[in-house]
Amino acid sequence: MSEIGQHSSMTDGDVYGKRRILTERADMFLGYSIYRALVKSIIFRFVIISEKVAKGPARLLIRQAVLQLMTAMLAVIALGACASNEYMGISLKPGRADPQLQELVRRAQAGDKRAQLELGIRYEEGDAVPVDLRRARKLYVLAVADEKRVVWVYSPPTTRASKGYVIPVVVGLEKPGLKDARERLQAIDNRRVR
């Protein structure tokens, strides 16, 4: 029996399963391999330590504390990754690019379809940015996509024998994609085919 099995009722398979589940959750949140490797090793060590050290109610408290700590770490790392200083190859740091271009990029990053189209046109034509049809196409795809906000609502069971359901509910008005962007996207795709 393993060292963990001697101190608790958990088997090596249970610890490995917990580690696998926790690292899969970490992978969902993290995009950087360095952070991913660091968080995986920390998670595995916390799970092993919590199983070795405590017994009974104290084990549950340690597990809860460890999960809260890991959640906080993941949130900090994920938020740090979200605060990008660049979008579509254009720096958002003050003084690194034309202020009007930076404002256009910020609007495009925030989901403004008209700004996505304008930035795509700039990339297609090489206006204040280098010609890059791949980035132009990505921006056109974003500008073409219909946008609707969906909220998932839990509907509890109505009787003891029934189950609850999660129902998608569309909130607000649907924003249709831009026709101009669709035409430009088709033109780029036609160029690629030839």
Protein backbone atom coordinates (compact mmCIF):
# COMPACT_ATOMS: atom_id res chain seq x y z
CA MET A 1 0.00 0.00 0.00
CA SER A 2 1.27 3.48 -0.75
CA GLU A 3 2.29 6.09 1.77
CA ILE A 4 -0.98 7.94 1.16
CA GLY A 5 -3.01 4.79 1.68
CA GLN A 6 -1.40 4.25 5.09
CA HIS A 7 -2.60 7.62 6.39
CA SER A 8 -6.06 7.70 4.89
CA SER A 9 -8.69 5.61 3.23
CA MET A 10 -7.78 7.02 -0.22
CA THR A 11 -5.98 4.87 -2.76
CA ASP A 12 -3.37 5.96 -5.28
CA GLY A 13 -6.03 5.78 -7.98
CA ASP A 14 -8.28 8.19 -6.04
CA VAL A 15 -5.45 10.72 -5.63
CA TYR A 16 -4.49 10.39 -9.29
CA GLY A 17 -8.14 10.89 -10.28
CA LYS A 18 -8.42 14.03 -8.13
CA ARG A 19 -5.16 15.35 -9.56
CA ARG A 20 -6.36 14.68 -13.13
CA ILE A 21 -9.69 16.46 -12.56
CA LEU A 22 -8.06 19.47 -10.90
CA THR A 23 -5.40 19.80 -13.59
CA GLU A 24 -8.04 19.58 -16.31
CA ARG A 25 -9.84 22.46 -14.63
CA ALA A 26 -6.56 24.38 -14.50
CA ASP A 27 -6.04 23.72 -18.22
CA MET A 28 -9.44 25.26 -18.99
CA PHE A 29 -8.42 28.53 -17.35
CA LEU A 30 -4.78 28.79 -18.28
CA GLY A 31 -3.32 29.34 -21.68
CA TYR A 32 0.33 29.55 -20.79
CA SER A 33 2.40 26.38 -20.45
CA ILE A 34 4.59 27.79 -17.67
CA TYR A 35 1.60 28.69 -15.51
CA ARG A 36 -0.01 25.38 -16.35
CA ALA A 37 3.02 23.36 -15.22
CA LEU A 38 3.36 25.43 -12.03
CA VAL A 39 -0.30 25.13 -11.08
CA LYS A 40 -0.37 21.39 -11.84
CA SER A 41 2.57 20.74 -9.51
CA ILE A 42 1.06 22.94 -6.76
CA ILE A 43 -2.33 21.23 -7.04
CA PHE A 44 -0.78 17.77 -6.85
CA ARG A 45 1.30 18.71 -3.79
CA PHE A 46 -1.71 20.22 -1.99
CA VAL A 47 -3.81 17.12 -2.59
CA ILE A 48 -1.02 14.82 -1.33
CA ILE A 49 -0.29 16.99 1.74
CA SER A 50 -3.95 17.29 2.70
CA GLU A 51 -4.32 13.51 2.57
CA LYS A 52 -1.13 12.85 4.58
CA VAL A 53 -1.54 15.41 7.35
CA ALA A 54 -5.11 15.48 8.51
CA LYS A 55 -7.72 12.98 9.59
CA GLY A 56 -11.44 13.36 10.10
CA PRO A 57 -13.00 16.85 10.16
CA ALA A 58 -9.63 18.58 9.91
CA ARG A 59 -9.05 16.92 6.53
CA LEU A 60 -12.24 18.47 5.19
CA LEU A 61 -11.21 21.93 6.44
CA ILE A 62 -7.79 21.57 4.82
CA ARG A 63 -9.36 20.47 1.54
CA GLN A 64 -11.70 23.46 1.57
CA ALA A 65 -8.85 25.85 2.31
CA VAL A 66 -6.71 24.31 -0.42
CA LEU A 67 -9.52 24.57 -2.97
CA GLN A 68 -10.17 28.20 -2.03
CA LEU A 69 -6.46 28.99 -2.35
CA MET A 70 -6.24 27.26 -5.73
CA THR A 71 -9.35 29.07 -6.96
CA ALA A 72 -7.86 32.41 -5.93
CA MET A 73 -4.55 31.55 -7.65
CA LEU A 74 -6.32 30.55 -10.85
CA ALA A 75 -8.41 33.73 -10.81
CA VAL A 76 -5.33 35.93 -10.40
CA ILE A 77 -3.45 34.13 -13.17
CA ALA A 78 -6.46 34.12 -15.51
CA LEU A 79 -7.11 37.83 -14.94
CA GLY A 80 -3.45 38.57 -15.53
CA ALA A 81 -3.62 36.72 -18.84
CA CYS A 82 -6.75 38.66 -19.82
CA ALA A 83 -5.11 42.04 -19.35
CA SER A 84 -3.31 41.95 -22.69
CA ASN A 85 -1.26 44.86 -23.93
CA GLU A 86 -1.80 43.85 -27.54
CA TYR A 87 -4.66 42.94 -29.84
CA MET A 88 -4.27 41.70 -33.41
CA GLY A 89 -0.59 42.64 -33.34
CA ILE A 90 -1.18 46.28 -32.35
CA SER A 91 0.25 47.49 -29.05
CA LEU A 92 -2.19 49.11 -26.65
CA LYS A 93 0.55 50.68 -24.53
CA PRO A 94 0.48 54.50 -24.66
CA GLY A 95 2.82 55.97 -27.24
CA ARG A 96 3.49 52.69 -29.07
CA ALA A 97 0.94 53.27 -31.85
CA ASP A 98 -1.27 56.01 -33.22
CA PRO A 99 -3.86 56.94 -30.51
CA GLN A 100 -6.74 56.79 -33.01
CA LEU A 101 -5.63 53.33 -34.12
CA GLN A 102 -5.38 52.21 -30.49
CA GLU A 103 -8.91 53.45 -29.81
CA LEU A 104 -10.16 51.52 -32.86
CA VAL A 105 -8.36 48.41 -31.62
CA ARG A 106 -9.86 48.76 -28.13
CA ARG A 107 -13.36 49.03 -29.60
CA ALA A 108 -12.75 46.00 -31.83
CA GLN A 109 -11.45 44.02 -28.86
CA ALA A 110 -14.55 44.96 -26.86
CA GLY A 111 -16.80 43.49 -29.60
CA ASP A 112 -17.80 46.57 -31.59
CA LYS A 113 -18.64 45.06 -34.99
CA ARG A 114 -18.12 48.31 -36.91
CA ALA A 115 -14.64 48.68 -35.36
CA GLN A 116 -13.82 45.05 -36.23
CA LEU A 117 -14.80 45.74 -39.84
CA GLU A 118 -12.76 48.97 -39.98
CA LEU A 119 -9.68 47.29 -38.50
CA GLY A 120 -10.09 44.39 -40.92
CA ILE A 121 -10.19 46.83 -43.84
CA ARG A 122 -7.01 48.47 -42.56
CA TYR A 123 -5.27 45.09 -42.46
CA GLU A 124 -6.56 44.19 -45.91
CA GLU A 125 -5.46 47.48 -47.47
CA GLY A 126 -2.36 48.16 -45.35
CA ASP A 127 -3.65 51.46 -43.91
CA ALA A 128 -1.40 52.35 -40.91
CA VAL A 129 -0.76 48.60 -40.36
CA PRO A 130 1.07 46.02 -42.49
CA VAL A 131 -1.04 44.07 -44.99
CA ASP A 132 -2.15 40.86 -43.26
CA LEU A 133 -5.04 39.00 -44.89
CA ARG A 134 -5.11 36.37 -42.13
CA ARG A 135 -5.83 38.99 -39.46
CA ALA A 136 -8.24 40.80 -41.78
CA ARG A 137 -10.16 37.54 -42.26
CA LYS A 138 -10.31 36.92 -38.48
CA LEU A 139 -11.72 40.39 -37.92
CA TYR A 140 -14.27 39.96 -40.72
CA VAL A 141 -15.40 36.66 -39.21
CA LEU A 142 -15.96 38.44 -35.88
CA ALA A 143 -17.87 41.27 -37.58
CA VAL A 144 -20.05 38.85 -39.58
CA ALA A 145 -21.12 36.73 -36.62
CA ASP A 146 -24.59 37.33 -35.26
CA GLU A 147 -24.45 38.18 -31.60
CA LYS A 148 -26.95 37.22 -28.99
CA ARG A 149 -26.51 37.06 -25.28
CA VAL A 150 -27.55 33.75 -23.76
CA VAL A 151 -28.01 33.25 -20.04
CA TRP A 152 -28.36 29.73 -18.64
CA VAL A 153 -31.13 29.48 -16.04
CA TYR A 154 -31.64 26.55 -13.70
CA SER A 155 -35.24 25.37 -13.37
CA PRO A 156 -35.62 23.25 -10.22
CA PRO A 157 -37.65 20.04 -10.20
CA THR A 158 -41.39 20.48 -9.74
CA THR A 159 -41.89 17.13 -8.01
CA ARG A 160 -39.65 14.72 -6.17
CA ALA A 161 -39.73 12.33 -9.10
CA SER A 162 -38.72 14.92 -11.70
CA LYS A 163 -35.34 16.43 -12.49
CA GLY A 164 -34.30 20.05 -12.72
CA TYR A 165 -33.25 21.52 -16.06
CA VAL A 166 -30.82 24.13 -17.30
CA ILE A 167 -32.52 26.27 -19.92
CA PRO A 168 -30.86 28.76 -22.31
CA VAL A 169 -32.60 32.13 -22.32
CA VAL A 170 -31.76 34.81 -24.89
CA VAL A 171 -31.47 38.19 -23.17
CA GLY A 172 -31.69 41.50 -24.97
CA LEU A 173 -31.78 42.17 -28.67
CA GLU A 174 -29.89 40.09 -31.17
CA LYS A 175 -27.20 42.04 -33.01
CA PRO A 176 -26.92 40.86 -36.60
CA GLY A 177 -23.54 40.65 -38.31
CA LEU A 178 -22.47 43.29 -40.81
CA LYS A 179 -23.22 42.74 -44.51
CA ASP A 180 -20.14 44.73 -45.55
CA ALA A 181 -17.96 42.36 -43.55
CA ARG A 182 -19.65 39.34 -45.17
CA GLU A 183 -18.84 40.71 -48.64
CA ARG A 184 -15.22 41.40 -47.74
CA LEU A 185 -14.88 37.95 -46.13
CA GLN A 186 -16.18 36.32 -49.33
CA ALA A 187 -13.72 38.39 -51.40
CA ILE A 188 -10.78 37.24 -49.24
CA ASP A 189 -11.95 33.62 -49.41
CA ASN A 190 -12.25 33.87 -53.21
CA ARG A 191 -8.66 35.19 -53.41
CA ARG A 192 -7.41 32.24 -51.32
CA VAL A 193 -9.16 29.68 -53.56
CA ARG A 194 -7.54 30.97 -56.77
